[in-house]
Amino acid sequence: MQLIRIFAQTAVCLLFFCAQCIAQLRPPTESAAATPFGFPGNARLLVIQAEDLGMAHSIDKASFEALEKGWVTTAGVLVPGPWFPEVLRWSHSHPNADLGIRLDLNADWSSYRWRPISGASKGSGLTDGGGYLSSSQLYVARHASQSEVEDEERAQIDLAKKAGMQITHLDNHMRALTVTPAMFQTYWKMGQEYGLPIVLPSELLKTRGTPAAKQGIYNFGGIDVDLTKVAIDRELEIMPGLAQKDWLGAYEKTLDVLPPGVYLLSVHLGFNDDELQAMTWDHPNWGAQWRQNDYDVISSPEFQKFLKDKGFILVNWRDLQKAMQDHH
């Protein structure tokens, strides 16, 4: 506990990023790989990931459609989310769907809450005064023990696996597992323990990590990470503050200038309906219309044509795992 508190107090100076290191639709750095996993040297591989399945029915409905129609290639699931049983039922009828677990330590809406599934008590460092998962990543980093965090992560993965969901990768909701070194170490441990790739862009390692003595190795949060074992080069996500009319243009402008490499485009789909409006009533910048805008762009023929015309190769996490294994 003391160790985690020390890490949390120095988190701003040390690392990590929460949302800051996710590309906010700005020009790319030169961190992309020159030749992605045996593909032609000029290949641009794109994973399009629908986020937060299980959070709300509106999100599930939009994301299921996107998965079924190929608008996205994968999705991230919140196991503690109130609508996780709906995702589980859908996954049983779509066994080939590429689904990852977004390890979730936070319930970030003021009037729409969910609890940990590991049986954590009300006094746990994971929870607020009401026994719900805390809305603050920093609160969890300061108050939860490493064992509490690991128990919750493992409980989420095990629940999905025992229920028959085929898990292709691990992610982390709100980037809570990159707030401190101790939190990141639990995230890394889960990937190693379950043999699953984790969302960890090489750009993050290069900009926030420390180069090790051996070339291609970066120390990040106390872990030596080999860049050749990292699946994606950069993560892209649209951020609040963009006018609805500029949504499509922003995606096209950002993607068009990307160099060869492997990219994760994180999209948040949903409908601007009563459910999401009630859920996000005090989050206008991350609310129902924001998710509707993402849905409208991802589903548009204009965006589909853009991706085809620019030669993007759409892949999922199963594809990346196979390509990495074959390449090595």
Protein backbone atom coordinates (compact mmCIF):
# COMPACT_ATOMS: atom_id res chain seq x y z
CA MET A 1 0.00 0.00 0.00
CA GLN A 2 2.78 2.40 0.93
CA LEU A 3 4.59 1.65 -2.33
CA ILE A 4 1.50 2.37 -4.39
CA ARG A 5 0.95 5.65 -2.56
CA ILE A 6 4.50 6.73 -3.26
CA PHE A 7 4.10 5.89 -6.92
CA ALA A 8 0.80 7.72 -7.11
CA GLN A 9 2.21 10.88 -5.58
CA THR A 10 4.91 11.02 -8.26
CA ALA A 11 2.73 9.88 -11.14
CA VAL A 12 2.58 13.26 -12.83
CA CYS A 13 6.37 13.51 -12.91
CA LEU A 14 7.04 9.87 -13.74
CA LEU A 15 4.67 8.78 -16.37
CA PHE A 16 2.23 7.72 -17.70
CA PHE A 17 -0.43 9.35 -19.59
CA CYS A 18 -4.08 8.60 -18.97
CA ALA A 19 -5.49 10.29 -22.09
CA GLN A 20 -2.55 12.54 -22.86
CA CYS A 21 -0.44 10.03 -24.76
CA ILE A 22 -3.28 8.76 -26.90
CA ALA A 23 -3.00 10.55 -30.20
CA GLN A 24 -5.60 13.29 -30.18
CA LEU A 25 -6.00 13.44 -33.95
CA ARG A 26 -2.79 15.36 -34.46
CA PRO A 27 0.07 14.83 -36.96
CA PRO A 28 2.00 11.62 -36.31
CA THR A 29 5.48 11.28 -34.95
CA GLU A 30 8.12 9.19 -36.70
CA SER A 31 7.67 6.30 -34.30
CA ALA A 32 5.90 3.87 -36.60
CA ALA A 33 7.52 0.63 -37.65
CA ALA A 34 9.00 0.58 -41.13
CA THR A 35 7.73 -2.88 -42.04
CA PRO A 36 4.80 -4.30 -40.10
CA PHE A 37 5.16 -8.03 -39.39
CA GLY A 38 6.11 -9.26 -42.80
CA PHE A 39 3.64 -7.13 -44.73
CA PRO A 40 4.97 -4.95 -47.57
CA GLY A 41 7.15 -2.09 -46.35
CA ASN A 42 4.55 0.52 -47.25
CA ALA A 43 1.66 -1.28 -45.56
CA ARG A 44 -0.59 0.56 -43.14
CA LEU A 45 -2.45 -1.87 -40.92
CA LEU A 46 -5.47 -0.53 -39.07
CA VAL A 47 -7.27 -2.09 -36.12
CA ILE A 48 -10.62 -0.34 -35.58
CA GLN A 49 -11.79 -1.07 -32.06
CA ALA A 50 -15.28 -0.31 -30.74
CA GLU A 51 -14.96 0.49 -27.05
CA ASP A 52 -17.03 -0.08 -23.91
CA LEU A 53 -19.31 -2.95 -24.88
CA GLY A 54 -21.35 -3.87 -21.84
CA MET A 55 -21.64 -0.30 -20.58
CA ALA A 56 -25.08 0.41 -22.08
CA HIS A 57 -27.57 -1.16 -24.47
CA SER A 58 -27.22 1.75 -26.88
CA ILE A 59 -23.46 1.18 -27.04
CA ASP A 60 -23.93 -2.57 -27.51
CA LYS A 61 -26.48 -2.14 -30.27
CA ALA A 62 -24.31 0.26 -32.26
CA SER A 63 -21.18 -1.83 -31.73
CA PHE A 64 -22.81 -5.15 -32.64
CA GLU A 65 -23.94 -3.64 -35.92
CA ALA A 66 -20.46 -2.28 -36.59
CA LEU A 67 -18.87 -5.67 -35.90
CA GLU A 68 -21.37 -7.56 -38.02
CA LYS A 69 -21.00 -5.18 -40.97
CA GLY A 70 -17.22 -4.94 -40.77
CA TRP A 71 -17.09 -1.24 -39.91
CA VAL A 72 -14.88 -2.17 -36.97
CA THR A 73 -12.57 -5.16 -36.66
CA THR A 74 -12.60 -5.71 -32.90
CA ALA A 75 -14.21 -4.52 -29.68
CA GLY A 76 -13.32 -3.93 -26.04
CA VAL A 77 -15.67 -5.31 -23.39
CA LEU A 78 -16.33 -3.99 -19.87
CA VAL A 79 -17.05 -7.10 -17.82
CA PRO A 80 -18.40 -5.21 -14.76
CA GLY A 81 -20.68 -3.15 -17.03
CA PRO A 82 -24.43 -3.49 -16.42
CA TRP A 83 -25.02 -4.78 -19.95
CA PHE A 84 -22.23 -7.37 -20.01
CA PRO A 85 -24.77 -10.27 -20.11
CA GLU A 86 -26.04 -8.88 -23.42
CA VAL A 87 -22.49 -8.89 -24.81
CA LEU A 88 -21.96 -12.41 -23.58
CA ARG A 89 -25.14 -13.62 -25.28
CA TRP A 90 -24.13 -11.93 -28.54
CA SER A 91 -20.63 -13.43 -28.35
CA HIS A 92 -22.09 -16.94 -28.13
CA SER A 93 -23.89 -16.42 -31.44
CA HIS A 94 -20.81 -14.77 -32.99
CA PRO A 95 -17.93 -17.04 -31.89
CA ASN A 96 -15.55 -15.62 -34.48
CA ALA A 97 -15.94 -12.05 -33.26
CA ASP A 98 -12.68 -10.48 -32.12
CA LEU A 99 -13.35 -9.39 -28.52
CA GLY A 100 -10.95 -8.13 -25.88
CA ILE A 101 -11.42 -7.32 -22.21
CA ARG A 102 -11.05 -3.68 -21.22
CA LEU A 103 -9.89 -4.26 -17.67
CA ASP A 104 -12.06 -1.86 -15.71
CA LEU A 105 -11.30 -0.24 -12.36
CA ASN A 106 -13.54 2.80 -12.80
CA ALA A 107 -17.21 3.67 -13.22
CA ASP A 108 -16.94 7.18 -14.57
CA TRP A 109 -20.54 8.47 -14.77
CA SER A 110 -22.14 10.29 -11.87
CA SER A 111 -25.62 8.76 -12.17
CA TYR A 112 -24.78 5.44 -13.85
CA ARG A 113 -22.66 3.18 -11.69
CA TRP A 114 -21.34 -0.37 -11.45
CA ARG A 115 -19.46 -2.37 -8.87
CA PRO A 116 -16.35 -4.58 -8.86
CA ILE A 117 -16.96 -8.26 -9.45
CA SER A 118 -14.14 -9.63 -7.29
CA GLY A 119 -16.21 -9.39 -4.12
CA ALA A 120 -14.29 -6.34 -2.92
CA SER A 121 -15.75 -4.93 0.28
CA LYS A 122 -17.15 -1.45 0.66
CA GLY A 123 -13.92 -0.34 2.29
CA SER A 124 -11.77 -1.53 -0.61
CA GLY A 125 -9.39 0.91 -2.29
CA LEU A 126 -11.20 0.11 -5.53
CA THR A 127 -14.52 1.56 -4.41
CA ASP A 128 -16.11 4.83 -3.40
CA GLY A 129 -18.35 5.43 -0.41
CA GLY A 130 -21.28 3.72 -2.11
CA GLY A 131 -19.37 0.56 -2.88
CA TYR A 132 -19.15 1.36 -6.59
CA LEU A 133 -15.94 1.37 -8.59
CA SER A 134 -14.35 4.78 -8.14
CA SER A 135 -14.74 7.40 -10.86
CA SER A 136 -11.10 8.45 -10.42
CA GLN A 137 -8.09 6.57 -11.75
CA LEU A 138 -5.82 8.44 -9.35
CA TYR A 139 -7.99 7.51 -6.36
CA VAL A 140 -7.61 3.83 -7.17
CA ALA A 141 -3.87 4.21 -7.70
CA ARG A 142 -3.53 5.88 -4.31
CA HIS A 143 -5.81 3.64 -2.27
CA ALA A 144 -6.03 0.16 -3.81
CA SER A 145 -3.41 -2.42 -2.99
CA GLN A 146 -1.66 -4.24 -5.79
CA SER A 147 -3.36 -7.47 -4.72
CA GLU A 148 -6.81 -5.81 -4.85
CA VAL A 149 -6.12 -4.58 -8.37
CA GLU A 150 -4.84 -7.97 -9.53
CA ASP A 151 -7.78 -9.80 -7.96
CA GLU A 152 -10.26 -7.58 -9.78
CA GLU A 153 -8.47 -7.85 -13.12
CA ARG A 154 -8.24 -11.62 -12.81
CA ALA A 155 -11.89 -11.89 -11.76
CA GLN A 156 -13.00 -9.98 -14.86
CA ILE A 157 -10.95 -12.15 -17.22
CA ASP A 158 -11.97 -15.38 -15.52
CA LEU A 159 -15.67 -14.49 -15.57
CA ALA A 160 -15.57 -13.87 -19.31
CA LYS A 161 -13.55 -17.02 -20.00
CA LYS A 162 -15.72 -19.27 -17.84
CA ALA A 163 -18.81 -17.87 -19.54
CA GLY A 164 -17.42 -18.98 -22.91
CA MET A 165 -16.17 -15.71 -24.37
CA GLN A 166 -13.18 -16.09 -26.68
CA ILE A 167 -10.79 -13.33 -25.58
CA THR A 168 -8.26 -12.02 -28.10
CA HIS A 169 -6.50 -9.25 -26.13
CA LEU A 170 -6.49 -7.06 -23.04
CA ASP A 171 -7.03 -3.32 -22.84
CA ASN A 172 -7.64 -0.96 -19.94
CA HIS A 173 -10.57 1.38 -19.43
CA MET A 174 -9.75 5.08 -18.94
CA ARG A 175 -6.07 4.11 -19.12
CA ALA A 176 -6.25 3.47 -15.37
CA LEU A 177 -3.56 0.79 -15.56
CA THR A 178 -0.96 3.23 -16.84
CA VAL A 179 -1.34 5.82 -14.08
CA THR A 180 1.54 4.47 -11.98
CA PRO A 181 4.28 1.86 -12.36
CA ALA A 182 2.57 -0.42 -9.84
CA MET A 183 -0.69 -0.30 -11.80
CA PHE A 184 1.08 -0.98 -15.07
CA GLN A 185 2.86 -3.97 -13.58
CA THR A 186 -0.50 -5.61 -12.82
CA TYR A 187 -1.62 -4.98 -16.42
CA TRP A 188 1.56 -6.50 -17.81
CA LYS A 189 1.25 -9.44 -15.44
CA MET A 190 -2.26 -10.25 -16.69
CA GLY A 191 -1.08 -10.29 -20.29
CA GLN A 192 1.74 -12.66 -19.40
CA GLU A 193 -0.41 -14.85 -17.17
CA TYR A 194 -3.17 -15.35 -19.72
CA GLY A 195 -0.99 -15.28 -22.83
CA LEU A 196 -2.84 -12.33 -24.32
CA PRO A 197 -1.45 -9.23 -26.05
CA ILE A 198 -2.12 -5.95 -24.27
CA VAL A 199 -2.85 -2.57 -25.79
CA LEU A 200 0.52 -0.87 -25.39
CA PRO A 201 1.60 1.39 -28.27
CA SER A 202 5.30 1.47 -29.10
CA GLU A 203 5.00 5.27 -29.38
CA LEU A 204 4.16 5.35 -25.67
CA LEU A 205 7.20 3.25 -24.84
CA LYS A 206 9.47 5.49 -26.86
CA THR A 207 8.14 8.76 -25.52
CA ARG A 208 7.58 7.79 -21.86
CA GLY A 209 9.85 4.84 -21.35
CA THR A 210 13.60 4.65 -20.83
CA PRO A 211 15.83 2.96 -23.43
CA ALA A 212 17.60 -0.08 -22.02
CA ALA A 213 21.15 -1.14 -22.80
CA LYS A 214 19.94 -3.61 -25.40
CA GLN A 215 18.62 -2.02 -28.58
CA GLY A 216 14.87 -2.18 -29.02
CA ILE A 217 14.19 -2.63 -25.30
CA TYR A 218 12.45 0.09 -23.30
CA ASN A 219 11.83 0.12 -19.57
CA PHE A 220 8.30 1.22 -18.87
CA GLY A 221 6.91 1.24 -15.37
CA GLY A 222 9.68 -1.05 -14.16
CA ILE A 223 9.17 -3.59 -16.98
CA ASP A 224 11.63 -4.15 -19.82
CA VAL A 225 9.52 -4.31 -22.98
CA ASP A 226 10.81 -5.59 -26.32
CA LEU A 227 9.44 -3.46 -29.17
CA THR A 228 9.35 -6.49 -31.45
CA LYS A 229 6.75 -8.02 -29.13
CA VAL A 230 4.49 -4.94 -29.24
CA ALA A 231 1.59 -5.24 -31.65
CA ILE A 232 0.71 -1.62 -32.40
CA ASP A 233 2.73 1.50 -33.09
CA ARG A 234 0.23 4.17 -32.18
CA GLU A 235 -3.29 4.63 -30.84
CA LEU A 236 -5.65 7.18 -32.33
CA GLU A 237 -8.79 8.53 -30.69
CA ILE A 238 -11.02 11.49 -31.36
CA MET A 239 -11.20 13.92 -28.46
CA PRO A 240 -13.86 16.41 -27.33
CA GLY A 241 -13.99 19.87 -28.82
CA LEU A 242 -14.45 18.94 -32.47
CA ALA A 243 -17.51 20.20 -34.31
CA GLN A 244 -19.84 17.51 -35.64
CA LYS A 245 -19.41 18.72 -39.22
CA ASP A 246 -15.63 18.28 -38.93
CA TRP A 247 -15.70 14.70 -37.61
CA LEU A 248 -15.17 12.85 -40.90
CA GLY A 249 -12.58 15.32 -42.14
CA ALA A 250 -10.57 15.00 -38.94
CA TYR A 251 -10.42 11.22 -39.26
CA GLU A 252 -9.42 11.40 -42.91
CA LYS A 253 -6.78 14.08 -42.33
CA THR A 254 -5.20 12.14 -39.47
CA LEU A 255 -5.20 8.73 -41.13
CA ASP A 256 -4.09 9.99 -44.54
CA VAL A 257 -0.66 11.15 -43.36
CA LEU A 258 0.23 8.09 -41.28
CA PRO A 259 3.49 6.38 -42.30
CA PRO A 260 3.69 2.60 -42.71
CA GLY A 261 2.93 0.81 -39.48
CA VAL A 262 0.22 -0.74 -37.31
CA TYR A 263 -2.40 1.55 -35.80
CA LEU A 264 -5.28 1.19 -33.38
CA LEU A 265 -8.22 3.48 -34.08
CA SER A 266 -10.31 3.57 -30.92
CA VAL A 267 -13.95 4.47 -31.59
CA HIS A 268 -16.84 4.94 -29.17
CA LEU A 269 -20.13 4.02 -30.79
CA GLY A 270 -23.64 4.63 -29.56
CA PHE A 271 -26.87 6.42 -30.31
CA ASN A 272 -27.99 9.81 -29.09
CA ASP A 273 -31.05 8.29 -27.40
CA ASP A 274 -32.78 8.57 -24.04
CA GLU A 275 -30.52 5.98 -22.43
CA LEU A 276 -27.21 7.63 -23.29
CA GLN A 277 -28.59 11.11 -22.69
CA ALA A 278 -29.59 10.11 -19.17
CA MET A 279 -26.34 8.29 -18.55
CA THR A 280 -24.10 11.15 -19.72
CA TRP A 281 -26.22 14.12 -18.65
CA ASP A 282 -23.27 15.93 -17.01
CA HIS A 283 -20.65 14.92 -19.60
CA PRO A 284 -21.46 17.02 -22.69
CA ASN A 285 -17.96 16.54 -24.12
CA TRP A 286 -18.10 12.74 -23.86
CA GLY A 287 -21.83 12.31 -24.13
CA ALA A 288 -24.48 10.80 -26.33
CA GLN A 289 -23.89 13.05 -29.34
CA TRP A 290 -20.15 12.34 -29.23
CA ARG A 291 -20.84 8.62 -29.60
CA GLN A 292 -23.46 9.25 -32.27
CA ASN A 293 -20.90 11.26 -34.25
CA ASP A 294 -18.42 8.39 -34.10
CA TYR A 295 -21.11 5.95 -35.24
CA ASP A 296 -22.13 8.22 -38.11
CA VAL A 297 -18.57 8.48 -39.42
CA ILE A 298 -17.59 4.83 -39.00
CA SER A 299 -20.78 3.66 -40.73
CA SER A 300 -20.61 6.16 -43.60
CA PRO A 301 -19.89 5.06 -47.19
CA GLU A 302 -17.53 8.04 -47.44
CA PHE A 303 -15.32 6.69 -44.67
CA GLN A 304 -15.39 3.16 -46.09
CA LYS A 305 -14.34 4.51 -49.49
CA PHE A 306 -11.57 6.59 -47.94
CA LEU A 307 -10.04 3.56 -46.21
CA LYS A 308 -10.19 1.53 -49.42
CA ASP A 309 -8.81 4.31 -51.61
CA LYS A 310 -5.90 4.91 -49.24
CA GLY A 311 -5.00 1.24 -49.12
CA PHE A 312 -5.47 0.62 -45.40
CA ILE A 313 -5.38 -3.07 -44.46
CA LEU A 314 -8.02 -3.72 -41.82
CA VAL A 315 -6.94 -6.30 -39.25
CA ASN A 316 -8.00 -7.54 -35.85
CA TRP A 317 -6.06 -8.81 -32.85
CA ARG A 318 -6.15 -12.42 -34.03
CA ASP A 319 -4.54 -11.28 -37.29
CA LEU A 320 -1.83 -9.39 -35.41
CA GLN A 321 -1.05 -12.33 -33.14
CA LYS A 322 -0.71 -14.68 -36.10
CA ALA A 323 1.42 -12.21 -38.05
CA MET A 324 3.73 -11.66 -35.09
CA GLN A 325 4.12 -15.40 -34.51
CA ASP A 326 4.83 -16.05 -38.18
CA HIS A 327 7.25 -13.12 -38.38
CA HIS A 328 9.25 -14.32 -35.38
